[in-house]
Amino acid sequence: FLAALFGAAFFSARGMSAVGVLGIGLVFG
């Protein structure tokens, strides 16, 4: 949960799309 949260928040704050953020969160987690 925390790894996915960190990855998604990091890339979301840098302008990645919502779908991309979810995907990145999954990979991080």
PDB file of all heavy atoms in Angstrom:
ATOM      1  N   PHE A   1       0.828  -1.212   0.000  1.00  0.00           N
ATOM      2  CA  PHE A   1       0.000   0.000   0.000  1.00  0.00           C
ATOM      3  C   PHE A   1       0.859   1.259   0.000  1.00  0.00           C
ATOM      4  O   PHE A   1       0.656   2.175  -0.807  1.00  0.00           O
ATOM      5  CB  PHE A   1      -0.932  -0.014   1.214  1.00  0.00           C
ATOM      6  CG  PHE A   1      -1.834   1.187   1.304  1.00  0.00           C
ATOM      7  CD1 PHE A   1      -3.065   1.192   0.669  1.00  0.00           C
ATOM      8  CD2 PHE A   1      -1.445   2.316   2.024  1.00  0.00           C
ATOM      9  CE1 PHE A   1      -3.904   2.296   0.749  1.00  0.00           C
ATOM     10  CE2 PHE A   1      -2.269   3.428   2.101  1.00  0.00           C
ATOM     11  CZ  PHE A   1      -3.502   3.408   1.466  1.00  0.00           C
ATOM     12  N   LEU A   2       1.843   1.330   0.904  1.00  0.00           N
ATOM     13  CA  LEU A   2       2.675   2.526   1.018  1.00  0.00           C
ATOM     14  C   LEU A   2       3.578   2.719  -0.188  1.00  0.00           C
ATOM     15  O   LEU A   2       3.801   3.853  -0.634  1.00  0.00           O
ATOM     16  CB  LEU A   2       3.511   2.452   2.298  1.00  0.00           C
ATOM     17  CG  LEU A   2       2.746   2.615   3.611  1.00  0.00           C
ATOM     18  CD1 LEU A   2       3.670   2.383   4.793  1.00  0.00           C
ATOM     19  CD2 LEU A   2       2.116   4.002   3.691  1.00  0.00           C
ATOM     20  N   ALA A   3       4.107   1.628  -0.723  1.00  0.00           N
ATOM     21  CA  ALA A   3       4.961   1.740  -1.913  1.00  0.00           C
ATOM     22  C   ALA A   3       4.156   2.257  -3.097  1.00  0.00           C
ATOM     23  O   ALA A   3       4.615   3.128  -3.852  1.00  0.00           O
ATOM     24  CB  ALA A   3       5.591   0.387  -2.244  1.00  0.00           C
ATOM     25  N   ALA A   4       2.937   1.734  -3.279  1.00  0.00           N
ATOM     26  CA  ALA A   4       2.080   2.202  -4.362  1.00  0.00           C
ATOM     27  C   ALA A   4       1.698   3.663  -4.152  1.00  0.00           C
ATOM     28  O   ALA A   4       1.672   4.463  -5.100  1.00  0.00           O
ATOM     29  CB  ALA A   4       0.831   1.331  -4.456  1.00  0.00           C
ATOM     30  N   LEU A   5       1.392   4.020  -2.920  1.00  0.00           N
ATOM     31  CA  LEU A   5       1.052   5.410  -2.595  1.00  0.00           C
ATOM     32  C   LEU A   5       2.211   6.342  -2.930  1.00  0.00           C
ATOM     33  O   LEU A   5       2.014   7.384  -3.565  1.00  0.00           O
ATOM     34  CB  LEU A   5       0.693   5.509  -1.112  1.00  0.00           C
ATOM     35  CG  LEU A   5       0.226   6.864  -0.572  1.00  0.00           C
ATOM     36  CD1 LEU A   5      -0.675   6.650   0.647  1.00  0.00           C
ATOM     37  CD2 LEU A   5       1.398   7.772  -0.181  1.00  0.00           C
ATOM     38  N   PHE A   6       3.417   5.964  -2.520  1.00  0.00           N
ATOM     39  CA  PHE A   6       4.589   6.811  -2.771  1.00  0.00           C
ATOM     40  C   PHE A   6       4.818   7.007  -4.270  1.00  0.00           C
ATOM     41  O   PHE A   6       5.003   8.123  -4.745  1.00  0.00           O
ATOM     42  CB  PHE A   6       5.824   6.203  -2.129  1.00  0.00           C
ATOM     43  CG  PHE A   6       7.085   6.954  -2.443  1.00  0.00           C
ATOM     44  CD1 PHE A   6       7.382   8.133  -1.782  1.00  0.00           C
ATOM     45  CD2 PHE A   6       7.968   6.493  -3.407  1.00  0.00           C
ATOM     46  CE1 PHE A   6       8.536   8.851  -2.081  1.00  0.00           C
ATOM     47  CE2 PHE A   6       9.119   7.202  -3.706  1.00  0.00           C
ATOM     48  CZ  PHE A   6       9.408   8.382  -3.039  1.00  0.00           C
ATOM     49  N   GLY A   7       4.818   5.897  -5.014  1.00  0.00           N
ATOM     50  CA  GLY A   7       5.068   5.996  -6.441  1.00  0.00           C
ATOM     51  C   GLY A   7       4.013   6.814  -7.161  1.00  0.00           C
ATOM     52  O   GLY A   7       4.326   7.661  -8.014  1.00  0.00           O
ATOM     53  N   ALA A   8       2.744   6.593  -6.819  1.00  0.00           N
ATOM     54  CA  ALA A   8       1.658   7.320  -7.476  1.00  0.00           C
ATOM     55  C   ALA A   8       1.713   8.805  -7.140  1.00  0.00           C
ATOM     56  O   ALA A   8       1.551   9.664  -8.017  1.00  0.00           O
ATOM     57  CB  ALA A   8       0.315   6.722  -7.058  1.00  0.00           C
ATOM     58  N   ALA A   9       1.940   9.128  -5.861  1.00  0.00           N
ATOM     59  CA  ALA A   9       2.000  10.530  -5.449  1.00  0.00           C
ATOM     60  C   ALA A   9       3.162  11.249  -6.118  1.00  0.00           C
ATOM     61  O   ALA A   9       3.032  12.398  -6.556  1.00  0.00           O
ATOM     62  CB  ALA A   9       2.114  10.624  -3.931  1.00  0.00           C
ATOM     63  N   PHE A  10       4.288  10.566  -6.208  1.00  0.00           N
ATOM     64  CA  PHE A  10       5.479  11.183  -6.794  1.00  0.00           C
ATOM     65  C   PHE A  10       5.237  11.566  -8.249  1.00  0.00           C
ATOM     66  O   PHE A  10       5.523  12.681  -8.674  1.00  0.00           O
ATOM     67  CB  PHE A  10       6.661  10.222  -6.679  1.00  0.00           C
ATOM     68  CG  PHE A  10       7.946  10.787  -7.211  1.00  0.00           C
ATOM     69  CD1 PHE A  10       8.745  11.587  -6.421  1.00  0.00           C
ATOM     70  CD2 PHE A  10       8.351  10.518  -8.511  1.00  0.00           C
ATOM     71  CE1 PHE A  10       9.931  12.115  -6.914  1.00  0.00           C
ATOM     72  CE2 PHE A  10       9.529  11.047  -9.013  1.00  0.00           C
ATOM     73  CZ  PHE A  10      10.321  11.849  -8.209  1.00  0.00           C
ATOM     74  N   PHE A  11       4.681  10.641  -9.036  1.00  0.00           N
ATOM     75  CA  PHE A  11       4.486  10.922 -10.453  1.00  0.00           C
ATOM     76  C   PHE A  11       3.236  11.765 -10.703  1.00  0.00           C
ATOM     77  O   PHE A  11       3.180  12.529 -11.669  1.00  0.00           O
ATOM     78  CB  PHE A  11       4.430   9.613 -11.243  1.00  0.00           C
ATOM     79  CG  PHE A  11       5.796   9.067 -11.556  1.00  0.00           C
ATOM     80  CD1 PHE A  11       6.407   8.170 -10.712  1.00  0.00           C
ATOM     81  CD2 PHE A  11       6.478   9.473 -12.685  1.00  0.00           C
ATOM     82  CE1 PHE A  11       7.677   7.683 -10.974  1.00  0.00           C
ATOM     83  CE2 PHE A  11       7.752   9.001 -12.977  1.00  0.00           C
ATOM     84  CZ  PHE A  11       8.352   8.093 -12.117  1.00  0.00           C
ATOM     85  N   SER A  12       2.226  11.656  -9.848  1.00  0.00           N
ATOM     86  CA  SER A  12       1.054  12.505  -9.987  1.00  0.00           C
ATOM     87  C   SER A  12       1.419  13.966  -9.785  1.00  0.00           C
ATOM     88  O   SER A  12       0.960  14.842 -10.514  1.00  0.00           O
ATOM     89  CB  SER A  12      -0.023  12.089  -8.977  1.00  0.00           C
ATOM     90  OG  SER A  12      -1.150  12.923  -9.068  1.00  0.00           O
ATOM     91  N   ALA A  13       2.266  14.234  -8.802  1.00  0.00           N
ATOM     92  CA  ALA A  13       2.707  15.603  -8.533  1.00  0.00           C
ATOM     93  C   ALA A  13       3.516  16.169  -9.682  1.00  0.00           C
ATOM     94  O   ALA A  13       3.691  17.389  -9.784  1.00  0.00           O
ATOM     95  CB  ALA A  13       3.524  15.648  -7.244  1.00  0.00           C
ATOM     96  N   ARG A  14       3.997  15.312 -10.565  1.00  0.00           N
ATOM     97  CA  ARG A  14       4.799  15.747 -11.702  1.00  0.00           C
ATOM     98  C   ARG A  14       4.033  15.679 -13.010  1.00  0.00           C
ATOM     99  O   ARG A  14       4.611  15.685 -14.089  1.00  0.00           O
ATOM    100  CB  ARG A  14       6.098  14.928 -11.759  1.00  0.00           C
ATOM    101  CG  ARG A  14       7.077  15.395 -10.686  1.00  0.00           C
ATOM    102  CD  ARG A  14       8.017  14.321 -10.208  1.00  0.00           C
ATOM    103  NE  ARG A  14       8.905  14.856  -9.182  1.00  0.00           N
ATOM    104  CZ  ARG A  14       8.556  15.063  -7.916  1.00  0.00           C
ATOM    105  NH1 ARG A  14       7.320  14.761  -7.516  1.00  0.00           N
ATOM    106  NH2 ARG A  14       9.390  15.565  -7.038  1.00  0.00           N
ATOM    107  N   GLY A  15       2.695  15.606 -12.913  1.00  0.00           N
ATOM    108  CA  GLY A  15       1.849  15.795 -14.081  1.00  0.00           C
ATOM    109  C   GLY A  15       1.492  14.563 -14.875  1.00  0.00           C
ATOM    110  O   GLY A  15       0.939  14.676 -15.970  1.00  0.00           O
ATOM    111  N   MET A  16       1.753  13.371 -14.381  1.00  0.00           N
ATOM    112  CA  MET A  16       1.390  12.166 -15.112  1.00  0.00           C
ATOM    113  C   MET A  16      -0.122  11.990 -15.121  1.00  0.00           C
ATOM    114  O   MET A  16      -0.812  12.397 -14.182  1.00  0.00           O
ATOM    115  CB  MET A  16       2.077  10.939 -14.505  1.00  0.00           C
ATOM    116  CG  MET A  16       1.774   9.627 -15.212  1.00  0.00           C
ATOM    117  SD  MET A  16       2.768   8.234 -14.613  1.00  0.00           S
ATOM    118  CE  MET A  16       4.324   8.552 -15.454  1.00  0.00           C
ATOM    119  N   SER A  17      -0.661  11.387 -16.165  1.00  0.00           N
ATOM    120  CA  SER A  17      -2.098  11.167 -16.281  1.00  0.00           C
ATOM    121  C   SER A  17      -2.591  10.217 -15.197  1.00  0.00           C
ATOM    122  O   SER A  17      -1.810   9.468 -14.595  1.00  0.00           O
ATOM    123  CB  SER A  17      -2.435  10.581 -17.650  1.00  0.00           C
ATOM    124  OG  SER A  17      -1.930   9.262 -17.763  1.00  0.00           O
ATOM    125  N   ALA A  18      -3.904  10.220 -14.962  1.00  0.00           N
ATOM    126  CA  ALA A  18      -4.486   9.380 -13.915  1.00  0.00           C
ATOM    127  C   ALA A  18      -4.230   7.898 -14.174  1.00  0.00           C
ATOM    128  O   ALA A  18      -3.900   7.140 -13.261  1.00  0.00           O
ATOM    129  CB  ALA A  18      -5.988   9.647 -13.804  1.00  0.00           C
ATOM    130  N   VAL A  19      -4.370   7.482 -15.439  1.00  0.00           N
ATOM    131  CA  VAL A  19      -4.127   6.079 -15.778  1.00  0.00           C
ATOM    132  C   VAL A  19      -2.659   5.725 -15.558  1.00  0.00           C
ATOM    133  O   VAL A  19      -2.333   4.662 -15.007  1.00  0.00           O
ATOM    134  CB  VAL A  19      -4.533   5.793 -17.240  1.00  0.00           C
ATOM    135  CG1 VAL A  19      -4.141   4.367 -17.638  1.00  0.00           C
ATOM    136  CG2 VAL A  19      -6.031   6.002 -17.431  1.00  0.00           C
ATOM    137  N   GLY A  20      -1.785   6.613 -15.962  1.00  0.00           N
ATOM    138  CA  GLY A  20      -0.364   6.372 -15.758  1.00  0.00           C
ATOM    139  C   GLY A  20      -0.002   6.287 -14.288  1.00  0.00           C
ATOM    140  O   GLY A  20       0.806   5.448 -13.884  1.00  0.00           O
ATOM    141  N   VAL A  21      -0.618   7.147 -13.488  1.00  0.00           N
ATOM    142  CA  VAL A  21      -0.366   7.142 -12.049  1.00  0.00           C
ATOM    143  C   VAL A  21      -0.769   5.813 -11.426  1.00  0.00           C
ATOM    144  O   VAL A  21      -0.045   5.247 -10.601  1.00  0.00           O
ATOM    145  CB  VAL A  21      -1.112   8.313 -11.367  1.00  0.00           C
ATOM    146  CG1 VAL A  21      -1.175   8.115  -9.856  1.00  0.00           C
ATOM    147  CG2 VAL A  21      -0.425   9.631 -11.691  1.00  0.00           C
ATOM    148  N   LEU A  22      -1.931   5.297 -11.820  1.00  0.00           N
ATOM    149  CA  LEU A  22      -2.376   4.005 -11.290  1.00  0.00           C
ATOM    150  C   LEU A  22      -1.413   2.895 -11.687  1.00  0.00           C
ATOM    151  O   LEU A  22      -1.079   2.019 -10.882  1.00  0.00           O
ATOM    152  CB  LEU A  22      -3.786   3.683 -11.788  1.00  0.00           C
ATOM    153  CG  LEU A  22      -4.924   4.521 -11.206  1.00  0.00           C
ATOM    154  CD1 LEU A  22      -6.246   4.108 -11.822  1.00  0.00           C
ATOM    155  CD2 LEU A  22      -4.985   4.379  -9.693  1.00  0.00           C
ATOM    156  N   GLY A  23      -0.968   2.927 -12.946  1.00  0.00           N
ATOM    157  CA  GLY A  23      -0.033   1.910 -13.411  1.00  0.00           C
ATOM    158  C   GLY A  23       1.288   1.971 -12.679  1.00  0.00           C
ATOM    159  O   GLY A  23       1.831   0.937 -12.260  1.00  0.00           O
ATOM    160  N   ILE A  24       1.801   3.188 -12.506  1.00  0.00           N
ATOM    161  CA  ILE A  24       3.066   3.359 -11.786  1.00  0.00           C
ATOM    162  C   ILE A  24       2.926   2.909 -10.347  1.00  0.00           C
ATOM    163  O   ILE A  24       3.816   2.273  -9.771  1.00  0.00           O
ATOM    164  CB  ILE A  24       3.520   4.827 -11.853  1.00  0.00           C
ATOM    165  CG1 ILE A  24       3.960   5.180 -13.276  1.00  0.00           C
ATOM    166  CG2 ILE A  24       4.655   5.097 -10.865  1.00  0.00           C
ATOM    167  CD1 ILE A  24       5.126   4.371 -13.790  1.00  0.00           C
ATOM    168  N   GLY A  25       1.770   3.231  -9.735  1.00  0.00           N
ATOM    169  CA  GLY A  25       1.532   2.793  -8.368  1.00  0.00           C
ATOM    170  C   GLY A  25       1.558   1.282  -8.243  1.00  0.00           C
ATOM    171  O   GLY A  25       2.130   0.733  -7.290  1.00  0.00           O
ATOM    172  N   LEU A  26       0.951   0.604  -9.205  1.00  0.00           N
ATOM    173  CA  LEU A  26       0.958  -0.866  -9.192  1.00  0.00           C
ATOM    174  C   LEU A  26       2.379  -1.410  -9.288  1.00  0.00           C
ATOM    175  O   LEU A  26       2.749  -2.352  -8.574  1.00  0.00           O
ATOM    176  CB  LEU A  26       0.119  -1.405 -10.350  1.00  0.00           C
ATOM    177  CG  LEU A  26      -1.395  -1.413 -10.166  1.00  0.00           C
ATOM    178  CD1 LEU A  26      -2.085  -1.824 -11.465  1.00  0.00           C
ATOM    179  CD2 LEU A  26      -1.792  -2.362  -9.045  1.00  0.00           C
ATOM    180  N   VAL A  27       3.176  -0.823 -10.180  1.00  0.00           N
ATOM    181  CA  VAL A  27       4.555  -1.308 -10.358  1.00  0.00           C
ATOM    182  C   VAL A  27       5.381  -1.051  -9.101  1.00  0.00           C
ATOM    183  O   VAL A  27       6.137  -1.921  -8.650  1.00  0.00           O
ATOM    184  CB  VAL A  27       5.210  -0.648 -11.580  1.00  0.00           C
ATOM    185  CG1 VAL A  27       6.677  -1.072 -11.698  1.00  0.00           C
ATOM    186  CG2 VAL A  27       4.463  -1.021 -12.852  1.00  0.00           C
ATOM    187  N   PHE A  28       5.234   0.145  -8.527  1.00  0.00           N
ATOM    188  CA  PHE A  28       5.951   0.448  -7.291  1.00  0.00           C
ATOM    189  C   PHE A  28       5.543  -0.501  -6.170  1.00  0.00           C
ATOM    190  O   PHE A  28       6.374  -0.984  -5.397  1.00  0.00           O
ATOM    191  CB  PHE A  28       5.671   1.893  -6.853  1.00  0.00           C
ATOM    192  CG  PHE A  28       6.783   2.850  -7.158  1.00  0.00           C
ATOM    193  CD1 PHE A  28       6.665   3.753  -8.202  1.00  0.00           C
ATOM    194  CD2 PHE A  28       7.934   2.862  -6.396  1.00  0.00           C
ATOM    195  CE1 PHE A  28       7.683   4.649  -8.488  1.00  0.00           C
ATOM    196  CE2 PHE A  28       8.964   3.755  -6.665  1.00  0.00           C
ATOM    197  CZ  PHE A  28       8.837   4.650  -7.720  1.00  0.00           C
ATOM    198  N   GLY A  29       4.243  -0.756  -6.070  1.00  0.00           N
ATOM    199  CA  GLY A  29       3.752  -1.569  -4.972  1.00  0.00           C
ATOM    200  C   GLY A  29       4.079  -3.042  -5.100  1.00  0.00           C
ATOM    201  O   GLY A  29       4.357  -3.716  -4.101  1.00  0.00           O
TER     202      GLY A  29
END
